[in-house]
Amino acid sequence: MTFDETYIRRCLQLAAAGLGYTSPNPLVGSVIVHEGKIIGEGYHHEYGGPHAEINAINSVNDENLLKESVLYVNLEPCSHFGKTPPCADAIIRHGIPKVVIGSVDCNNVVNGTGIAKLRNAGVEVVVDVCKQECEDLNRRFFTFHRKKRPYIILKWAQTEDGFMDIDREYDKNMSNWITNRALKVLTHKWRGEEDAILVGFNTMNNDRPQLTTREYAGKNPGRFVMQRGSEILSRNDYTPLSDNVHEAVGQLFALNVQSVIVEGGRKTLDKFIDCGLWDEARILVGDIRWGRGLEAPKMPGTPGKTINIDGNRLFYVRRHV
């Protein structure tokens, strides 16, 4: 591993701390190195706040050292005025002679202009260090700007024998809870990391789910429900979307939703799977068997990662297209 890779990976560690709070901005961390020693670090804490590079620069005790330092950042510094002034301008103003960048910003308002501004000012710029890792951390951001849609996460729980719900006609008095408390807390953590959460009309109407982060400290995602025009939305804390998957995804994009968790039920999940409109699936498997009930969706491909959590299992499936 090179020194550049080591410091960019430290940027990624820092950047990840902003997950759930920076959208629609990306996750960005920055490290400043002087003669082989880190003298400053920072990350983008929340949308509207200072960017990672500014926080890193401000953390340096001796500002004079900046003129002999290298600034590392996992995403190209911005070159435009938004909620904050351009980071590229601040780097130039402080006389930082070299910048190492993990990946180019695919947002049309940046997309190479930050790099060009730095180089035109005489700053040495190195690009694409740990590029794949950097793009993976910001997969929500890159999907939103490249594919013009949110990053879509499918999530459901199922029994060992493949059922996701009880037979509601015959097993009305039976508990339909599948996984343990540890996984419940984890799913609430996940909710706080995404912009939105989506269910189908029947799930909203039958289960009245809260879809909050009440078991884990974090922000609540925006709540959306897919429904036909003839269906009456009985809760005003859900935003209605089209029952057509492509239309619903387009509506979310228009609302600047960068990522969404689809929590079912079965018909809604199948719609996304059948359309090929998903990026990641998280399948929670409890250590119980029902013998009958509503079968869980069938995912194409093999789970990429399996984690055991207190006797339950978590399957991760990532879709690469």
C-alpha atoms as a PDB file:
ATOM      1  CA  MET A   1       0.000   0.000   0.000  1.00  0.00           C
ATOM      2  CA  THR A   2       1.399   3.419  -0.962  1.00  0.00           C
ATOM      3  CA  PHE A   3       1.389   6.445   1.329  1.00  0.00           C
ATOM      4  CA  ASP A   4      -1.213   8.086  -0.907  1.00  0.00           C
ATOM      5  CA  GLU A   5      -3.509   5.062  -0.567  1.00  0.00           C
ATOM      6  CA  THR A   6      -3.041   5.020   3.207  1.00  0.00           C
ATOM      7  CA  TYR A   7      -4.089   8.655   3.575  1.00  0.00           C
ATOM      8  CA  ILE A   8      -7.012   8.383   1.134  1.00  0.00           C
ATOM      9  CA  ARG A   9      -8.307   5.408   3.126  1.00  0.00           C
ATOM     10  CA  ARG A  10      -8.087   7.542   6.244  1.00  0.00           C
ATOM     11  CA  CYS A  11     -10.199  10.118   4.382  1.00  0.00           C
ATOM     12  CA  LEU A  12     -12.780   7.401   3.746  1.00  0.00           C
ATOM     13  CA  GLN A  13     -12.861   6.480   7.436  1.00  0.00           C
ATOM     14  CA  LEU A  14     -13.524  10.104   8.334  1.00  0.00           C
ATOM     15  CA  ALA A  15     -16.078  10.603   5.560  1.00  0.00           C
ATOM     16  CA  ALA A  16     -18.205   7.651   6.691  1.00  0.00           C
ATOM     17  CA  ALA A  17     -19.025   9.472   9.935  1.00  0.00           C
ATOM     18  CA  GLY A  18     -21.305  11.795   7.972  1.00  0.00           C
ATOM     19  CA  LEU A  19     -23.568   9.026   6.625  1.00  0.00           C
ATOM     20  CA  GLY A  20     -27.194  10.048   6.977  1.00  0.00           C
ATOM     21  CA  TYR A  21     -26.506  13.746   7.494  1.00  0.00           C
ATOM     22  CA  THR A  22     -24.803  15.158   4.382  1.00  0.00           C
ATOM     23  CA  SER A  23     -27.332  14.331   1.626  1.00  0.00           C
ATOM     24  CA  PRO A  24     -27.719  15.617  -1.038  1.00  0.00           C
ATOM     25  CA  ASN A  25     -24.005  16.346  -0.614  1.00  0.00           C
ATOM     26  CA  PRO A  26     -21.536  13.443  -0.764  1.00  0.00           C
ATOM     27  CA  LEU A  27     -19.565  11.871   2.071  1.00  0.00           C
ATOM     28  CA  VAL A  28     -16.149  13.523   2.185  1.00  0.00           C
ATOM     29  CA  GLY A  29     -13.143  13.298   4.490  1.00  0.00           C
ATOM     30  CA  SER A  30      -9.857  15.159   4.253  1.00  0.00           C
ATOM     31  CA  VAL A  31      -6.373  14.743   5.724  1.00  0.00           C
ATOM     32  CA  ILE A  32      -3.448  17.180   5.654  1.00  0.00           C
ATOM     33  CA  VAL A  33       0.056  15.709   5.817  1.00  0.00           C
ATOM     34  CA  HIS A  34       3.324  17.550   6.516  1.00  0.00           C
ATOM     35  CA  GLU A  35       6.615  15.666   6.142  1.00  0.00           C
ATOM     36  CA  GLY A  36       4.935  12.299   6.649  1.00  0.00           C
ATOM     37  CA  LYS A  37       2.850  13.363   9.651  1.00  0.00           C
ATOM     38  CA  ILE A  38      -0.873  14.100   9.769  1.00  0.00           C
ATOM     39  CA  ILE A  39      -1.319  17.670  11.021  1.00  0.00           C
ATOM     40  CA  GLY A  40      -5.009  18.113  10.224  1.00  0.00           C
ATOM     41  CA  GLU A  41      -8.181  16.111   9.647  1.00  0.00           C
ATOM     42  CA  GLY A  42     -11.807  16.868   8.951  1.00  0.00           C
ATOM     43  CA  TYR A  43     -14.990  15.592   7.360  1.00  0.00           C
ATOM     44  CA  HIS A  44     -18.279  16.996   6.094  1.00  0.00           C
ATOM     45  CA  HIS A  45     -20.573  16.723   9.136  1.00  0.00           C
ATOM     46  CA  GLU A  46     -23.911  17.827   7.706  1.00  0.00           C
ATOM     47  CA  TYR A  47     -25.534  19.448   4.706  1.00  0.00           C
ATOM     48  CA  GLY A  48     -25.065  23.199   4.793  1.00  0.00           C
ATOM     49  CA  GLY A  49     -22.032  22.992   7.083  1.00  0.00           C
ATOM     50  CA  PRO A  50     -18.329  23.431   6.211  1.00  0.00           C
ATOM     51  CA  HIS A  51     -16.885  20.900   3.803  1.00  0.00           C
ATOM     52  CA  ALA A  52     -14.214  18.374   4.741  1.00  0.00           C
ATOM     53  CA  GLU A  53     -11.302  20.354   3.321  1.00  0.00           C
ATOM     54  CA  ILE A  54     -12.252  23.454   5.298  1.00  0.00           C
ATOM     55  CA  ASN A  55     -12.594  21.487   8.534  1.00  0.00           C
ATOM     56  CA  ALA A  56      -9.208  19.866   7.917  1.00  0.00           C
ATOM     57  CA  ILE A  57      -7.513  23.206   7.191  1.00  0.00           C
ATOM     58  CA  ASN A  58      -9.083  24.785  10.278  1.00  0.00           C
ATOM     59  CA  SER A  59      -7.802  21.924  12.449  1.00  0.00           C
ATOM     60  CA  VAL A  60      -4.139  22.677  11.647  1.00  0.00           C
ATOM     61  CA  ASN A  61      -2.429  24.418  14.583  1.00  0.00           C
ATOM     62  CA  ASP A  62       0.347  26.103  12.584  1.00  0.00           C
ATOM     63  CA  GLU A  63      -1.121  27.573   9.406  1.00  0.00           C
ATOM     64  CA  ASN A  64       2.362  28.233   8.020  1.00  0.00           C
ATOM     65  CA  LEU A  65       2.876  24.495   7.562  1.00  0.00           C
ATOM     66  CA  LEU A  66       0.096  24.391   4.938  1.00  0.00           C
ATOM     67  CA  LYS A  67       2.473  25.821   2.328  1.00  0.00           C
ATOM     68  CA  GLU A  68       4.628  22.686   2.702  1.00  0.00           C
ATOM     69  CA  SER A  69       1.847  20.114   3.041  1.00  0.00           C
ATOM     70  CA  VAL A  70      -0.235  17.707   0.972  1.00  0.00           C
ATOM     71  CA  LEU A  71      -4.014  17.742   1.249  1.00  0.00           C
ATOM     72  CA  TYR A  72      -5.771  14.424   0.734  1.00  0.00           C
ATOM     73  CA  VAL A  73      -9.494  14.200  -0.006  1.00  0.00           C
ATOM     74  CA  ASN A  74     -11.640  11.297  -1.230  1.00  0.00           C
ATOM     75  CA  LEU A  75     -13.668  13.445  -3.649  1.00  0.00           C
ATOM     76  CA  GLU A  76     -12.732  16.338  -5.908  1.00  0.00           C
ATOM     77  CA  PRO A  77     -12.886  19.718  -4.107  1.00  0.00           C
ATOM     78  CA  CYS A  78     -15.838  21.837  -5.166  1.00  0.00           C
ATOM     79  CA  SER A  79     -15.283  24.822  -7.442  1.00  0.00           C
ATOM     80  CA  HIS A  80     -18.602  26.646  -7.122  1.00  0.00           C
ATOM     81  CA  PHE A  81     -20.543  28.676  -4.586  1.00  0.00           C
ATOM     82  CA  GLY A  82     -23.335  26.669  -2.976  1.00  0.00           C
ATOM     83  CA  LYS A  83     -24.207  26.630   0.695  1.00  0.00           C
ATOM     84  CA  THR A  84     -20.502  27.363   1.279  1.00  0.00           C
ATOM     85  CA  PRO A  85     -17.678  28.973  -0.783  1.00  0.00           C
ATOM     86  CA  PRO A  86     -15.554  26.811  -3.134  1.00  0.00           C
ATOM     87  CA  CYS A  87     -13.081  24.522  -1.375  1.00  0.00           C
ATOM     88  CA  ALA A  88     -10.676  24.773  -4.328  1.00  0.00           C
ATOM     89  CA  ASP A  89     -10.386  28.517  -3.678  1.00  0.00           C
ATOM     90  CA  ALA A  90      -9.557  27.943  -0.010  1.00  0.00           C
ATOM     91  CA  ILE A  91      -6.842  25.416  -0.920  1.00  0.00           C
ATOM     92  CA  ILE A  92      -5.276  27.918  -3.336  1.00  0.00           C
ATOM     93  CA  ARG A  93      -5.578  30.785  -0.869  1.00  0.00           C
ATOM     94  CA  HIS A  94      -3.703  28.853   1.820  1.00  0.00           C
ATOM     95  CA  GLY A  95      -0.914  27.993  -0.597  1.00  0.00           C
ATOM     96  CA  ILE A  96      -1.216  24.207  -0.310  1.00  0.00           C
ATOM     97  CA  PRO A  97       1.109  22.964  -3.071  1.00  0.00           C
ATOM     98  CA  LYS A  98      -0.261  19.447  -3.660  1.00  0.00           C
ATOM     99  CA  VAL A  99      -3.666  17.765  -3.531  1.00  0.00           C
ATOM    100  CA  VAL A 100      -4.340  14.027  -3.822  1.00  0.00           C
ATOM    101  CA  ILE A 101      -7.912  13.123  -4.808  1.00  0.00           C
ATOM    102  CA  GLY A 102      -9.688   9.778  -4.582  1.00  0.00           C
ATOM    103  CA  SER A 103     -12.296  10.279  -7.316  1.00  0.00           C
ATOM    104  CA  VAL A 104     -13.646  12.967  -9.599  1.00  0.00           C
ATOM    105  CA  ASP A 105     -16.987  14.519  -8.623  1.00  0.00           C
ATOM    106  CA  CYS A 106     -19.605  13.374 -11.165  1.00  0.00           C
ATOM    107  CA  ASN A 107     -22.004  16.216 -10.305  1.00  0.00           C
ATOM    108  CA  ASN A 108     -22.295  18.436 -13.392  1.00  0.00           C
ATOM    109  CA  VAL A 109     -21.635  21.590 -11.358  1.00  0.00           C
ATOM    110  CA  VAL A 110     -18.149  20.248 -10.461  1.00  0.00           C
ATOM    111  CA  ASN A 111     -17.015  17.294 -12.634  1.00  0.00           C
ATOM    112  CA  GLY A 112     -13.391  18.230 -13.180  1.00  0.00           C
ATOM    113  CA  THR A 113     -13.659  21.987 -12.720  1.00  0.00           C
ATOM    114  CA  GLY A 114     -12.244  21.829  -9.193  1.00  0.00           C
ATOM    115  CA  ILE A 115      -9.212  19.925 -10.469  1.00  0.00           C
ATOM    116  CA  ALA A 116      -8.780  22.365 -13.359  1.00  0.00           C
ATOM    117  CA  LYS A 117      -8.951  25.349 -11.021  1.00  0.00           C
ATOM    118  CA  LEU A 118      -6.262  23.878  -8.764  1.00  0.00           C
ATOM    119  CA  ARG A 119      -3.948  23.018 -11.651  1.00  0.00           C
ATOM    120  CA  ASN A 120      -4.399  26.432 -13.263  1.00  0.00           C
ATOM    121  CA  ALA A 121      -3.259  27.944  -9.954  1.00  0.00           C
ATOM    122  CA  GLY A 122      -0.080  25.845 -10.003  1.00  0.00           C
ATOM    123  CA  VAL A 123      -1.204  23.182  -7.533  1.00  0.00           C
ATOM    124  CA  GLU A 124       0.076  19.663  -8.224  1.00  0.00           C
ATOM    125  CA  VAL A 125      -2.959  17.348  -8.422  1.00  0.00           C
ATOM    126  CA  VAL A 126      -2.996  13.545  -8.284  1.00  0.00           C
ATOM    127  CA  VAL A 127      -6.338  11.877  -9.124  1.00  0.00           C
ATOM    128  CA  ASP A 128      -7.978   8.435  -8.870  1.00  0.00           C
ATOM    129  CA  VAL A 129      -6.211   7.066  -5.801  1.00  0.00           C
ATOM    130  CA  CYS A 130      -8.356   4.195  -4.437  1.00  0.00           C
ATOM    131  CA  LYS A 131     -10.961   5.312  -6.963  1.00  0.00           C
ATOM    132  CA  GLN A 132     -13.215   2.244  -6.647  1.00  0.00           C
ATOM    133  CA  GLU A 133     -13.300   2.430  -2.848  1.00  0.00           C
ATOM    134  CA  CYS A 134     -14.084   6.142  -3.012  1.00  0.00           C
ATOM    135  CA  GLU A 135     -16.930   5.648  -5.465  1.00  0.00           C
ATOM    136  CA  ASP A 136     -18.281   2.758  -3.410  1.00  0.00           C
ATOM    137  CA  LEU A 137     -18.518   4.877  -0.251  1.00  0.00           C
ATOM    138  CA  ASN A 138     -20.436   7.501  -2.238  1.00  0.00           C
ATOM    139  CA  ARG A 139     -22.502   5.003  -4.243  1.00  0.00           C
ATOM    140  CA  ARG A 140     -25.689   6.862  -3.342  1.00  0.00           C
ATOM    141  CA  PHE A 141     -24.295  10.142  -4.667  1.00  0.00           C
ATOM    142  CA  PHE A 142     -22.843   8.600  -7.835  1.00  0.00           C
ATOM    143  CA  THR A 143     -26.015   6.622  -8.596  1.00  0.00           C
ATOM    144  CA  PHE A 144     -28.157   9.740  -8.172  1.00  0.00           C
ATOM    145  CA  HIS A 145     -26.063  11.840 -10.566  1.00  0.00           C
ATOM    146  CA  ARG A 146     -25.134   9.191 -13.105  1.00  0.00           C
ATOM    147  CA  LYS A 147     -28.394   7.236 -13.319  1.00  0.00           C
ATOM    148  CA  LYS A 148     -30.739  10.108 -12.430  1.00  0.00           C
ATOM    149  CA  ARG A 149     -32.494   8.108  -9.728  1.00  0.00           C
ATOM    150  CA  PRO A 150     -32.065   7.311  -6.036  1.00  0.00           C
ATOM    151  CA  TYR A 151     -29.858   4.489  -4.800  1.00  0.00           C
ATOM    152  CA  ILE A 152     -32.401   1.736  -4.043  1.00  0.00           C
ATOM    153  CA  ILE A 153     -32.035  -0.664  -1.104  1.00  0.00           C
ATOM    154  CA  LEU A 154     -34.479  -3.574  -0.770  1.00  0.00           C
ATOM    155  CA  LYS A 155     -34.980  -4.869   2.752  1.00  0.00           C
ATOM    156  CA  TRP A 156     -37.131  -7.592   4.281  1.00  0.00           C
ATOM    157  CA  ALA A 157     -37.139 -10.242   7.000  1.00  0.00           C
ATOM    158  CA  GLN A 158     -37.904 -13.907   6.394  1.00  0.00           C
ATOM    159  CA  THR A 159     -38.041 -17.171   8.324  1.00  0.00           C
ATOM    160  CA  GLU A 160     -35.588 -20.047   7.922  1.00  0.00           C
ATOM    161  CA  ASP A 161     -38.074 -21.726   5.595  1.00  0.00           C
ATOM    162  CA  GLY A 162     -38.559 -18.640   3.419  1.00  0.00           C
ATOM    163  CA  PHE A 163     -41.739 -16.898   4.635  1.00  0.00           C
ATOM    164  CA  MET A 164     -41.958 -13.157   5.239  1.00  0.00           C
ATOM    165  CA  ASP A 165     -45.479 -12.938   6.698  1.00  0.00           C
ATOM    166  CA  ILE A 166     -48.051 -15.133   8.371  1.00  0.00           C
ATOM    167  CA  ASP A 167     -51.165 -16.362   6.614  1.00  0.00           C
ATOM    168  CA  ARG A 168     -53.387 -13.488   7.717  1.00  0.00           C
ATOM    169  CA  GLU A 169     -56.583 -15.374   6.914  1.00  0.00           C
ATOM    170  CA  TYR A 170     -55.868 -18.396   9.159  1.00  0.00           C
ATOM    171  CA  ASP A 171     -53.131 -17.275  11.590  1.00  0.00           C
ATOM    172  CA  LYS A 172     -54.523 -13.955  12.802  1.00  0.00           C
ATOM    173  CA  ASN A 173     -53.515 -14.540  16.438  1.00  0.00           C
ATOM    174  CA  MET A 174     -49.991 -15.681  15.598  1.00  0.00           C
ATOM    175  CA  SER A 175     -47.046 -13.300  16.060  1.00  0.00           C
ATOM    176  CA  ASN A 176     -45.540 -12.230  12.754  1.00  0.00           C
ATOM    177  CA  TRP A 177     -42.284 -10.973  14.280  1.00  0.00           C
ATOM    178  CA  ILE A 178     -39.364 -12.843  12.701  1.00  0.00           C
ATOM    179  CA  THR A 179     -35.968 -11.509  13.798  1.00  0.00           C
ATOM    180  CA  ASN A 180     -34.350 -10.649  17.128  1.00  0.00           C
ATOM    181  CA  ARG A 181     -33.979  -7.282  18.831  1.00  0.00           C
ATOM    182  CA  ALA A 182     -30.408  -6.800  17.636  1.00  0.00           C
ATOM    183  CA  LEU A 183     -31.574  -6.823  14.028  1.00  0.00           C
ATOM    184  CA  LYS A 184     -34.467  -4.518  14.868  1.00  0.00           C
ATOM    185  CA  VAL A 185     -32.022  -1.957  16.236  1.00  0.00           C
ATOM    186  CA  LEU A 186     -29.821  -2.404  13.163  1.00  0.00           C
ATOM    187  CA  THR A 187     -32.706  -1.762  10.768  1.00  0.00           C
ATOM    188  CA  HIS A 188     -33.537   1.441  12.619  1.00  0.00           C
ATOM    189  CA  LYS A 189     -29.913   2.505  12.253  1.00  0.00           C
ATOM    190  CA  TRP A 190     -30.175   1.843   8.512  1.00  0.00           C
ATOM    191  CA  ARG A 191     -33.254   4.027   8.244  1.00  0.00           C
ATOM    192  CA  GLY A 192     -31.341   6.989   9.638  1.00  0.00           C
ATOM    193  CA  GLU A 193     -28.657   6.570   6.968  1.00  0.00           C
ATOM    194  CA  GLU A 194     -31.012   7.029   4.001  1.00  0.00           C
ATOM    195  CA  ASP A 195     -33.128   9.887   2.703  1.00  0.00           C
ATOM    196  CA  ALA A 196     -36.381   7.970   2.398  1.00  0.00           C
ATOM    197  CA  ILE A 197     -38.274   4.793   3.161  1.00  0.00           C
ATOM    198  CA  LEU A 198     -40.983   3.340   0.919  1.00  0.00           C
ATOM    199  CA  VAL A 199     -43.773   0.797   1.390  1.00  0.00           C
ATOM    200  CA  GLY A 200     -46.742  -0.364  -0.625  1.00  0.00           C
ATOM    201  CA  PHE A 201     -50.312   0.705   0.074  1.00  0.00           C
ATOM    202  CA  ASN A 202     -51.334  -2.606   1.684  1.00  0.00           C
ATOM    203  CA  THR A 203     -48.409  -2.517   4.122  1.00  0.00           C
ATOM    204  CA  MET A 204     -49.247   1.039   5.113  1.00  0.00           C
ATOM    205  CA  ASN A 205     -52.968   0.291   5.405  1.00  0.00           C
ATOM    206  CA  ASN A 206     -52.717  -3.074   7.212  1.00  0.00           C
ATOM    207  CA  ASP A 207     -49.675  -2.646   9.470  1.00  0.00           C
ATOM    208  CA  ARG A 208     -49.587   1.122  10.065  1.00  0.00           C
ATOM    209  CA  PRO A 209     -45.777   1.019  10.390  1.00  0.00           C
ATOM    210  CA  GLN A 210     -44.058   3.983  12.034  1.00  0.00           C
ATOM    211  CA  LEU A 211     -40.924   3.613   9.873  1.00  0.00           C
ATOM    212  CA  THR A 212     -38.878   5.661  12.348  1.00  0.00           C
ATOM    213  CA  THR A 213     -35.473   5.364  14.033  1.00  0.00           C
ATOM    214  CA  ARG A 214     -36.987   5.088  17.512  1.00  0.00           C
ATOM    215  CA  GLU A 215     -34.631   2.223  18.494  1.00  0.00           C
ATOM    216  CA  TYR A 216     -31.491   4.083  17.388  1.00  0.00           C
ATOM    217  CA  ALA A 217     -30.418   7.722  17.615  1.00  0.00           C
ATOM    218  CA  GLY A 218     -30.739   9.230  14.162  1.00  0.00           C
ATOM    219  CA  LYS A 219     -32.934  11.240  11.837  1.00  0.00           C
ATOM    220  CA  ASN A 220     -36.180   9.784  10.548  1.00  0.00           C
ATOM    221  CA  PRO A 221     -36.296   9.221   6.782  1.00  0.00           C
ATOM    222  CA  GLY A 222     -39.010  10.698   4.618  1.00  0.00           C
ATOM    223  CA  ARG A 223     -41.945   8.246   4.375  1.00  0.00           C
ATOM    224  CA  PHE A 224     -43.460   7.338   1.010  1.00  0.00           C
ATOM    225  CA  VAL A 225     -46.194   4.955  -0.104  1.00  0.00           C
ATOM    226  CA  MET A 226     -46.917   3.626  -3.595  1.00  0.00           C
ATOM    227  CA  GLN A 227     -50.638   3.698  -4.330  1.00  0.00           C
ATOM    228  CA  ARG A 228     -53.160   3.650  -7.127  1.00  0.00           C
ATOM    229  CA  GLY A 229     -55.277   6.737  -7.659  1.00  0.00           C
ATOM    230  CA  SER A 230     -58.367   4.974  -6.377  1.00  0.00           C
ATOM    231  CA  GLU A 231     -56.794   4.186  -3.007  1.00  0.00           C
ATOM    232  CA  ILE A 232     -57.418   6.603  -0.164  1.00  0.00           C
ATOM    233  CA  LEU A 233     -54.352   7.583   1.833  1.00  0.00           C
ATOM    234  CA  SER A 234     -55.426   7.598   5.470  1.00  0.00           C
ATOM    235  CA  ARG A 235     -52.176   8.962   6.900  1.00  0.00           C
ATOM    236  CA  ASN A 236     -50.922  12.435   6.088  1.00  0.00           C
ATOM    237  CA  ASP A 237     -47.347  11.673   7.258  1.00  0.00           C
ATOM    238  CA  TYR A 238     -46.773   9.555   4.127  1.00  0.00           C
ATOM    239  CA  THR A 239     -46.113  11.120   0.736  1.00  0.00           C
ATOM    240  CA  PRO A 240     -48.008   9.277  -2.025  1.00  0.00           C
ATOM    241  CA  LEU A 241     -46.165   7.999  -5.094  1.00  0.00           C
ATOM    242  CA  SER A 242     -47.301   6.311  -8.272  1.00  0.00           C
ATOM    243  CA  ASP A 243     -48.004   2.566  -8.160  1.00  0.00           C
ATOM    244  CA  ASN A 244     -45.759   2.279 -11.237  1.00  0.00           C
ATOM    245  CA  VAL A 245     -42.146   1.631 -10.163  1.00  0.00           C
ATOM    246  CA  HIS A 246     -40.505   3.704 -12.906  1.00  0.00           C
ATOM    247  CA  GLU A 247     -42.835   6.628 -12.237  1.00  0.00           C
ATOM    248  CA  ALA A 248     -42.316   6.368  -8.466  1.00  0.00           C
ATOM    249  CA  VAL A 249     -38.537   6.359  -8.840  1.00  0.00           C
ATOM    250  CA  GLY A 250     -38.775   9.385 -11.129  1.00  0.00           C
ATOM    251  CA  GLN A 251     -40.891  11.189  -8.547  1.00  0.00           C
ATOM    252  CA  LEU A 252     -38.315  10.482  -5.840  1.00  0.00           C
ATOM    253  CA  PHE A 253     -35.524  11.807  -8.062  1.00  0.00           C
ATOM    254  CA  ALA A 254     -37.523  14.983  -8.729  1.00  0.00           C
ATOM    255  CA  LEU A 255     -37.832  15.421  -4.956  1.00  0.00           C
ATOM    256  CA  ASN A 256     -34.011  15.225  -4.659  1.00  0.00           C
ATOM    257  CA  VAL A 257     -34.175  11.916  -2.786  1.00  0.00           C
ATOM    258  CA  GLN A 258     -30.708  10.398  -3.117  1.00  0.00           C
ATOM    259  CA  SER A 259     -31.409   7.032  -1.466  1.00  0.00           C
ATOM    260  CA  VAL A 260     -34.431   4.981  -0.460  1.00  0.00           C
ATOM    261  CA  ILE A 261     -35.073   1.791   1.512  1.00  0.00           C
ATOM    262  CA  VAL A 262     -37.946  -0.290   0.140  1.00  0.00           C
ATOM    263  CA  GLU A 263     -39.450  -2.214   3.077  1.00  0.00           C
ATOM    264  CA  GLY A 264     -42.177  -4.047   1.249  1.00  0.00           C
ATOM    265  CA  GLY A 265     -44.481  -5.870   1.283  1.00  0.00           C
ATOM    266  CA  ARG A 266     -44.019  -8.702  -1.140  1.00  0.00           C
ATOM    267  CA  LYS A 267     -45.822  -7.158  -4.138  1.00  0.00           C
ATOM    268  CA  THR A 268     -43.889  -3.915  -3.864  1.00  0.00           C
ATOM    269  CA  LEU A 269     -40.532  -5.676  -3.489  1.00  0.00           C
ATOM    270  CA  ASP A 270     -41.284  -7.923  -6.455  1.00  0.00           C
ATOM    271  CA  LYS A 271     -42.061  -4.893  -8.609  1.00  0.00           C
ATOM    272  CA  PHE A 272     -38.593  -3.479  -8.009  1.00  0.00           C
ATOM    273  CA  ILE A 273     -36.916  -6.869  -8.524  1.00  0.00           C
ATOM    274  CA  ASP A 274     -38.839  -7.581 -11.726  1.00  0.00           C
ATOM    275  CA  CYS A 275     -37.978  -4.151 -13.134  1.00  0.00           C
ATOM    276  CA  GLY A 276     -34.326  -4.540 -12.205  1.00  0.00           C
ATOM    277  CA  LEU A 277     -34.562  -1.277 -10.274  1.00  0.00           C
ATOM    278  CA  TRP A 278     -32.478  -1.997  -7.211  1.00  0.00           C
ATOM    279  CA  ASP A 279     -28.854  -1.645  -6.129  1.00  0.00           C
ATOM    280  CA  GLU A 280     -28.638  -3.552  -2.880  1.00  0.00           C
ATOM    281  CA  ALA A 281     -30.715  -6.027  -0.890  1.00  0.00           C
ATOM    282  CA  ARG A 282     -30.517  -6.697   2.834  1.00  0.00           C
ATOM    283  CA  ILE A 283     -32.286  -9.894   3.817  1.00  0.00           C
ATOM    284  CA  LEU A 284     -32.762 -10.653   7.515  1.00  0.00           C
ATOM    285  CA  VAL A 285     -33.315 -14.318   8.371  1.00  0.00           C
ATOM    286  CA  GLY A 286     -34.746 -15.292  11.759  1.00  0.00           C
ATOM    287  CA  ASP A 287     -34.113 -18.628  13.444  1.00  0.00           C
ATOM    288  CA  ILE A 288     -37.749 -19.755  13.260  1.00  0.00           C
ATOM    289  CA  ARG A 289     -39.800 -21.844  10.835  1.00  0.00           C
ATOM    290  CA  TRP A 290     -43.505 -21.316  10.110  1.00  0.00           C
ATOM    291  CA  GLY A 291     -44.270 -24.011   7.581  1.00  0.00           C
ATOM    292  CA  ARG A 292     -46.676 -21.764   5.723  1.00  0.00           C
ATOM    293  CA  GLY A 293     -47.418 -18.123   5.043  1.00  0.00           C
ATOM    294  CA  LEU A 294     -46.472 -15.491   2.482  1.00  0.00           C
ATOM    295  CA  GLU A 295     -43.282 -16.502   0.687  1.00  0.00           C
ATOM    296  CA  ALA A 296     -40.413 -14.022   0.640  1.00  0.00           C
ATOM    297  CA  PRO A 297     -39.134 -12.608  -2.665  1.00  0.00           C
ATOM    298  CA  LYS A 298     -36.560 -14.592  -4.628  1.00  0.00           C
ATOM    299  CA  MET A 299     -33.390 -12.662  -5.386  1.00  0.00           C
ATOM    300  CA  PRO A 300     -31.352 -13.284  -8.528  1.00  0.00           C
ATOM    301  CA  GLY A 301     -27.732 -14.140  -7.807  1.00  0.00           C
ATOM    302  CA  THR A 302     -25.950 -15.267  -4.670  1.00  0.00           C
ATOM    303  CA  PRO A 303     -25.642 -13.168  -1.499  1.00  0.00           C
ATOM    304  CA  GLY A 304     -22.289 -11.449  -1.453  1.00  0.00           C
ATOM    305  CA  LYS A 305     -21.892 -11.436   2.309  1.00  0.00           C
ATOM    306  CA  THR A 306     -23.469 -13.222   5.266  1.00  0.00           C
ATOM    307  CA  ILE A 307     -23.280 -12.027   8.879  1.00  0.00           C
ATOM    308  CA  ASN A 308     -24.472 -13.937  11.938  1.00  0.00           C
ATOM    309  CA  ILE A 309     -26.046 -11.747  14.626  1.00  0.00           C
ATOM    310  CA  ASP A 310     -27.224 -13.409  17.856  1.00  0.00           C
ATOM    311  CA  GLY A 311     -28.495 -16.523  16.093  1.00  0.00           C
ATOM    312  CA  ASN A 312     -30.047 -14.629  13.175  1.00  0.00           C
ATOM    313  CA  ARG A 313     -28.439 -14.066   9.788  1.00  0.00           C
ATOM    314  CA  LEU A 314     -28.075 -11.052   7.555  1.00  0.00           C
ATOM    315  CA  PHE A 315     -27.555 -11.502   3.806  1.00  0.00           C
ATOM    316  CA  TYR A 316     -26.188  -8.641   1.718  1.00  0.00           C
ATOM    317  CA  VAL A 317     -26.665  -8.702  -2.040  1.00  0.00           C
ATOM    318  CA  ARG A 318     -25.076  -5.994  -4.199  1.00  0.00           C
ATOM    319  CA  ARG A 319     -26.068  -5.502  -7.811  1.00  0.00           C
ATOM    320  CA  HIS A 320     -23.271  -4.383 -10.146  1.00  0.00           C
ATOM    321  CA  VAL A 321     -24.411  -3.151 -13.557  1.00  0.00           C
END
